[in-house]
N, C-alpha and C. Protein backbone atom coordinates (compact mmCIF):
# COMPACT_ATOMS: atom_id res chain seq x y z
N ILE A 1 110.20 103.84 110.51
CA ILE A 1 109.39 102.63 109.94
C ILE A 1 107.99 102.69 110.54
N ARG A 2 107.78 102.97 111.85
CA ARG A 2 106.57 102.76 112.32
C ARG A 2 105.35 103.59 111.81
N ASP A 3 105.85 104.76 111.18
CA ASP A 3 104.64 105.62 110.59
C ASP A 3 104.45 105.59 109.13
N ILE A 4 105.51 105.38 108.33
CA ILE A 4 105.54 105.33 107.02
C ILE A 4 105.77 104.01 106.41
N GLY A 5 106.46 102.97 107.04
CA GLY A 5 106.89 101.63 106.68
C GLY A 5 108.27 102.02 105.50
N MET A 6 108.49 100.75 105.04
CA MET A 6 109.91 100.97 104.33
C MET A 6 109.51 99.78 103.13
N THR A 7 110.58 100.06 102.08
CA THR A 7 110.67 99.30 100.90
C THR A 7 112.34 98.78 100.85
N VAL A 8 112.32 97.23 100.88
CA VAL A 8 113.65 96.75 100.73
C VAL A 8 113.67 95.93 99.77
N MET A 9 114.87 95.50 99.08
CA MET A 9 115.08 94.52 97.99
C MET A 9 115.14 93.27 98.66
N TRP A 10 114.68 92.11 97.95
CA TRP A 10 114.92 90.76 98.29
C TRP A 10 114.78 89.93 96.92
N GLN A 11 115.77 89.20 96.76
CA GLN A 11 115.72 88.53 95.49
C GLN A 11 115.34 89.38 94.26
N GLY A 12 115.86 90.70 94.07
CA GLY A 12 115.53 91.60 92.93
C GLY A 12 114.10 92.00 93.13
N LYS A 13 113.45 91.81 94.22
CA LYS A 13 111.99 92.13 94.24
C LYS A 13 111.82 93.17 95.54
N PRO A 14 111.03 94.12 95.41
CA PRO A 14 110.64 95.07 96.44
C PRO A 14 109.86 94.23 97.34
N VAL A 15 109.96 94.35 98.61
CA VAL A 15 109.33 94.03 99.77
C VAL A 15 108.83 95.16 100.65
N PHE A 16 107.51 95.20 100.86
CA PHE A 16 107.12 96.31 101.55
C PHE A 16 106.87 95.80 103.07
N ILE A 17 107.46 96.57 103.92
CA ILE A 17 107.67 96.32 105.52
C ILE A 17 106.64 97.69 106.08
N ARG A 18 105.71 97.14 106.64
CA ARG A 18 104.89 98.35 107.33
C ARG A 18 104.43 97.83 108.91
N HIS A 19 104.50 98.90 109.73
CA HIS A 19 104.09 98.82 110.94
C HIS A 19 102.48 99.02 111.07
N ARG A 20 101.63 98.06 111.72
CA ARG A 20 100.18 98.24 111.77
C ARG A 20 99.80 98.83 113.15
N THR A 21 98.83 99.71 113.25
CA THR A 21 98.22 100.11 114.42
C THR A 21 97.28 99.03 114.79
N ALA A 22 96.92 99.38 116.27
CA ALA A 22 95.88 98.36 116.83
C ALA A 22 94.54 98.56 116.07
N GLU A 23 94.09 99.77 115.81
CA GLU A 23 92.93 99.91 114.86
C GLU A 23 92.91 99.27 113.35
N GLU A 24 94.26 99.57 112.75
CA GLU A 24 94.35 98.88 111.52
C GLU A 24 93.94 97.21 111.63
N ILE A 25 94.83 96.62 112.71
CA ILE A 25 94.77 95.10 112.72
C ILE A 25 93.22 94.97 113.17
N ALA A 26 92.45 95.62 113.81
CA ALA A 26 91.05 95.17 114.23
C ALA A 26 90.26 95.35 112.97
N GLU A 27 90.49 96.17 112.17
CA GLU A 27 89.89 96.46 110.87
C GLU A 27 89.96 95.09 110.05
N LEU A 28 91.26 94.81 109.82
CA LEU A 28 91.75 93.79 109.02
C LEU A 28 90.93 92.53 109.44
N ASN A 29 91.07 92.19 110.69
CA ASN A 29 90.39 90.88 111.50
C ASN A 29 89.03 90.87 111.20
N GLU A 30 88.30 92.07 111.15
CA GLU A 30 86.83 92.29 111.06
C GLU A 30 86.31 92.05 109.51
N THR A 31 87.28 92.16 108.54
CA THR A 31 86.87 92.08 107.25
C THR A 31 86.14 90.72 106.90
N SER A 32 85.21 90.62 106.32
CA SER A 32 84.33 89.35 105.93
C SER A 32 85.18 88.71 104.81
N MET A 33 85.22 87.38 105.13
CA MET A 33 85.81 86.51 103.83
C MET A 33 84.92 86.67 102.74
N GLY A 34 83.75 87.13 102.77
CA GLY A 34 82.98 87.20 101.49
C GLY A 34 83.40 88.32 100.71
N ASP A 35 83.85 89.44 101.41
CA ASP A 35 84.47 90.66 100.61
C ASP A 35 85.94 90.56 99.94
N LEU A 36 86.27 89.42 99.94
CA LEU A 36 87.80 89.07 99.61
C LEU A 36 87.80 88.16 98.39
N ARG A 37 88.49 88.35 97.43
CA ARG A 37 88.62 87.63 96.06
C ARG A 37 89.43 86.33 96.50
N ASP A 38 90.33 86.81 97.17
CA ASP A 38 91.28 85.63 97.45
C ASP A 38 91.31 85.57 99.17
N PRO A 39 90.27 84.78 99.58
CA PRO A 39 89.90 84.96 101.15
C PRO A 39 91.01 84.32 101.66
N GLN A 40 91.70 85.18 102.59
CA GLN A 40 92.76 84.59 103.80
C GLN A 40 92.39 85.55 104.83
N GLN A 41 92.26 84.98 106.15
CA GLN A 41 92.29 85.53 107.35
C GLN A 41 93.86 86.37 107.50
N ASP A 42 93.80 87.65 107.85
CA ASP A 42 95.06 88.16 108.03
C ASP A 42 95.79 87.66 109.10
N VAL A 43 95.05 87.31 110.24
CA VAL A 43 95.96 86.57 111.23
C VAL A 43 96.85 85.35 110.75
N ASP A 44 96.29 84.61 109.58
CA ASP A 44 96.99 83.46 109.15
C ASP A 44 98.09 83.98 108.19
N ARG A 45 98.19 84.95 107.80
CA ARG A 45 99.26 85.55 106.94
C ARG A 45 100.63 85.96 107.54
N PHE A 46 100.69 86.39 108.81
CA PHE A 46 101.69 86.97 109.32
C PHE A 46 102.38 86.52 110.43
N VAL A 47 103.49 86.48 110.62
CA VAL A 47 104.22 86.01 111.84
C VAL A 47 103.87 86.97 113.20
N ASP A 48 103.83 88.20 112.94
CA ASP A 48 103.72 89.01 113.89
C ASP A 48 102.57 90.08 113.51
N GLN A 49 101.34 90.11 114.16
CA GLN A 49 100.24 90.96 113.68
C GLN A 49 100.67 92.29 113.64
N ASP A 50 101.66 92.83 114.33
CA ASP A 50 102.04 94.27 114.27
C ASP A 50 102.68 94.65 112.85
N TRP A 51 103.04 93.82 111.93
CA TRP A 51 103.62 94.14 111.02
C TRP A 51 103.23 93.42 109.53
N THR A 52 103.01 94.24 108.52
CA THR A 52 102.76 93.64 107.41
C THR A 52 104.13 93.49 106.49
N ILE A 53 104.28 92.40 105.96
CA ILE A 53 105.58 92.09 105.09
C ILE A 53 104.92 91.52 103.95
N VAL A 54 105.16 92.10 102.64
CA VAL A 54 104.53 91.51 101.57
C VAL A 54 105.50 91.80 100.38
N VAL A 55 105.46 90.84 99.56
CA VAL A 55 106.48 91.35 98.08
C VAL A 55 105.41 92.42 97.40
N GLY A 56 106.16 93.24 97.02
CA GLY A 56 105.59 94.36 96.19
C GLY A 56 105.33 94.23 94.86
N ILE A 57 104.79 93.30 94.41
CA ILE A 57 104.64 92.85 92.95
C ILE A 57 103.23 92.50 92.80
N CYS A 58 102.32 93.41 92.05
CA CYS A 58 101.13 93.42 91.62
C CYS A 58 100.69 91.85 91.01
N THR A 59 99.66 90.94 91.79
CA THR A 59 99.38 89.75 91.01
C THR A 59 98.75 89.58 89.70
N HIS A 60 98.50 90.91 89.14
CA HIS A 60 97.60 90.90 87.86
C HIS A 60 98.68 90.85 86.82
N MET A 61 99.69 91.80 86.82
CA MET A 61 100.51 92.16 85.51
C MET A 61 102.13 92.36 85.88
N GLY A 62 102.23 92.15 87.36
CA GLY A 62 103.71 92.30 87.72
C GLY A 62 104.11 93.66 88.04
N CYS A 63 103.32 94.64 88.07
CA CYS A 63 103.71 96.07 88.45
C CYS A 63 104.11 96.14 90.04
N VAL A 64 104.53 97.51 90.31
CA VAL A 64 104.86 97.67 91.40
C VAL A 64 103.90 98.49 92.19
N PRO A 65 103.00 98.20 93.14
CA PRO A 65 101.97 99.01 93.53
C PRO A 65 102.62 100.22 94.53
N ILE A 66 101.87 101.23 94.75
CA ILE A 66 102.24 102.15 95.40
C ILE A 66 101.67 102.07 96.94
N SER A 67 102.57 102.19 97.93
CA SER A 67 102.11 102.00 99.55
C SER A 67 101.44 103.29 99.98
N HIS A 68 100.54 102.61 100.83
CA HIS A 68 99.57 103.75 101.63
C HIS A 68 98.82 104.54 100.51
N ALA A 69 98.22 103.84 99.63
CA ALA A 69 97.44 104.41 98.56
C ALA A 69 96.02 103.38 98.48
N GLY A 70 95.22 103.83 97.61
CA GLY A 70 94.19 103.17 96.99
C GLY A 70 93.00 103.18 98.15
N ASP A 71 91.83 102.63 97.87
CA ASP A 71 90.51 102.66 98.70
C ASP A 71 90.48 102.09 99.87
N PHE A 72 91.68 101.43 100.13
CA PHE A 72 91.61 100.79 101.34
C PHE A 72 93.18 101.01 102.26
N ASN A 73 93.71 102.41 101.56
CA ASN A 73 94.74 102.86 102.49
C ASN A 73 95.98 101.85 102.56
N GLY A 74 96.07 100.84 101.57
CA GLY A 74 96.85 99.88 101.86
C GLY A 74 98.05 99.93 100.54
N TYR A 75 97.54 99.23 99.31
CA TYR A 75 98.59 99.29 98.29
C TYR A 75 97.75 99.57 97.10
N TYR A 76 98.00 100.30 96.21
CA TYR A 76 97.38 100.56 94.71
C TYR A 76 98.27 100.55 93.83
N CYS A 77 97.86 99.69 92.88
CA CYS A 77 98.50 99.33 91.68
C CYS A 77 97.81 100.38 90.52
N PRO A 78 98.51 101.49 90.04
CA PRO A 78 97.81 102.55 89.20
C PRO A 78 98.06 101.87 87.73
N CYS A 79 98.69 100.79 87.50
CA CYS A 79 98.38 100.15 86.00
C CYS A 79 97.44 99.86 85.55
N HIS A 80 96.42 99.03 86.36
CA HIS A 80 95.03 98.44 86.29
C HIS A 80 94.19 98.64 87.05
N SER A 81 94.55 99.40 88.19
CA SER A 81 93.66 99.57 89.35
C SER A 81 93.32 98.79 90.31
N SER A 82 94.27 98.05 90.67
CA SER A 82 94.21 96.97 91.68
C SER A 82 94.49 97.72 93.29
N HIS A 83 93.16 97.28 94.12
CA HIS A 83 93.42 97.78 95.48
C HIS A 83 93.45 96.74 96.38
N TYR A 84 94.74 96.99 97.19
CA TYR A 84 94.94 95.89 98.12
C TYR A 84 94.81 96.71 99.58
N ASP A 85 94.35 95.87 100.57
CA ASP A 85 94.15 96.52 102.03
C ASP A 85 95.61 96.40 102.78
N ILE A 86 95.45 96.98 103.78
CA ILE A 86 96.81 97.21 104.54
C ILE A 86 97.49 95.77 104.76
N GLY A 87 96.84 94.82 104.71
CA GLY A 87 97.43 93.31 104.90
C GLY A 87 97.65 92.75 103.67
N GLY A 88 97.69 93.58 102.40
CA GLY A 88 98.12 93.00 101.26
C GLY A 88 97.11 92.08 100.50
N ARG A 89 95.80 92.18 101.07
CA ARG A 89 94.83 91.22 100.31
C ARG A 89 94.16 92.02 99.32
N ILE A 90 93.98 91.33 98.25
CA ILE A 90 93.17 92.14 97.05
C ILE A 90 91.67 92.36 97.25
N ARG A 91 91.37 93.50 97.01
CA ARG A 91 89.73 94.10 97.60
C ARG A 91 89.10 94.32 96.38
N LYS A 92 89.88 94.98 95.20
CA LYS A 92 89.24 95.70 94.01
C LYS A 92 90.14 95.61 92.93
N GLY A 93 89.61 95.35 91.77
CA GLY A 93 90.45 95.47 90.62
C GLY A 93 90.61 94.05 89.96
N PRO A 94 91.55 94.15 88.96
CA PRO A 94 91.78 92.84 88.32
C PRO A 94 92.59 91.75 88.85
N ALA A 95 93.48 92.27 89.88
CA ALA A 95 94.50 91.44 90.52
C ALA A 95 93.74 90.14 90.92
N PRO A 96 94.21 88.75 90.67
CA PRO A 96 93.61 87.45 91.13
C PRO A 96 93.94 87.12 92.51
N GLU A 97 95.16 87.55 93.19
CA GLU A 97 95.60 86.84 94.28
C GLU A 97 96.03 88.05 95.15
N ASN A 98 96.12 87.92 96.66
CA ASN A 98 96.66 88.66 97.44
C ASN A 98 98.17 88.90 97.33
N LEU A 99 98.68 89.98 97.73
CA LEU A 99 100.25 90.00 97.62
C LEU A 99 100.95 88.95 98.45
N MET A 100 102.05 88.48 97.72
CA MET A 100 102.60 87.23 98.57
C MET A 100 103.38 87.82 99.71
N VAL A 101 103.40 86.92 100.74
CA VAL A 101 103.94 87.06 102.30
C VAL A 101 105.19 86.18 101.99
N PRO A 102 106.42 86.81 101.97
CA PRO A 102 107.54 85.93 101.92
C PRO A 102 107.81 85.30 103.30
N ASN A 103 108.76 84.17 103.34
CA ASN A 103 108.99 83.65 104.60
C ASN A 103 110.07 84.73 105.31
N HIS A 104 109.69 84.84 106.55
CA HIS A 104 110.36 85.89 107.43
C HIS A 104 110.29 85.56 108.87
N VAL A 105 111.35 85.87 109.70
CA VAL A 105 111.27 85.64 111.15
C VAL A 105 111.82 86.97 111.66
N PHE A 106 111.40 87.28 113.10
CA PHE A 106 111.96 88.42 113.64
C PHE A 106 112.95 87.74 114.67
N GLN A 107 114.25 88.35 114.69
CA GLN A 107 115.29 88.35 115.65
C GLN A 107 115.44 89.52 116.20
N ASP A 108 115.11 89.73 117.40
CA ASP A 108 115.05 90.84 118.51
C ASP A 108 114.31 91.90 117.45
N ASP A 109 115.02 93.10 117.02
CA ASP A 109 114.49 94.15 116.49
C ASP A 109 114.59 94.14 115.07
N ILE A 110 115.25 93.08 114.42
CA ILE A 110 115.51 92.81 112.82
C ILE A 110 114.46 91.72 112.54
N VAL A 111 114.07 92.03 111.03
CA VAL A 111 113.28 91.17 110.37
C VAL A 111 114.30 90.38 109.40
N VAL A 112 114.08 89.25 109.29
CA VAL A 112 115.02 88.38 108.36
C VAL A 112 114.04 87.98 107.28
N VAL A 113 114.03 88.35 106.00
CA VAL A 113 113.29 87.66 104.95
C VAL A 113 114.02 86.63 104.15
N GLY A 114 113.42 85.70 103.85
CA GLY A 114 113.95 84.63 103.26
C GLY A 114 114.01 83.17 103.80
């Protein structure tokens, strides 16, 4: 999971779980809020900064994006070319909002979504 991430199903929806490197976290935290359509600090989105946990449903038309893809190596929705960064924030394309972060907690080495 640390290198490629994984997809699990929650309430009939895909949830992308991805471990992030220190370099990726730094890049996300350096992103200017002016560059984001739906401005949210990455640090405010996640319980643990080492992990991205987002619902894998594009906020444009409800398609399922491709992980580790697009202009920001995050998530790419090929249906209408929405590009999300590694933290699931919309950076380019028609999607109006960031990918949703579901409620989640970490219990030892297990993440519980919901």
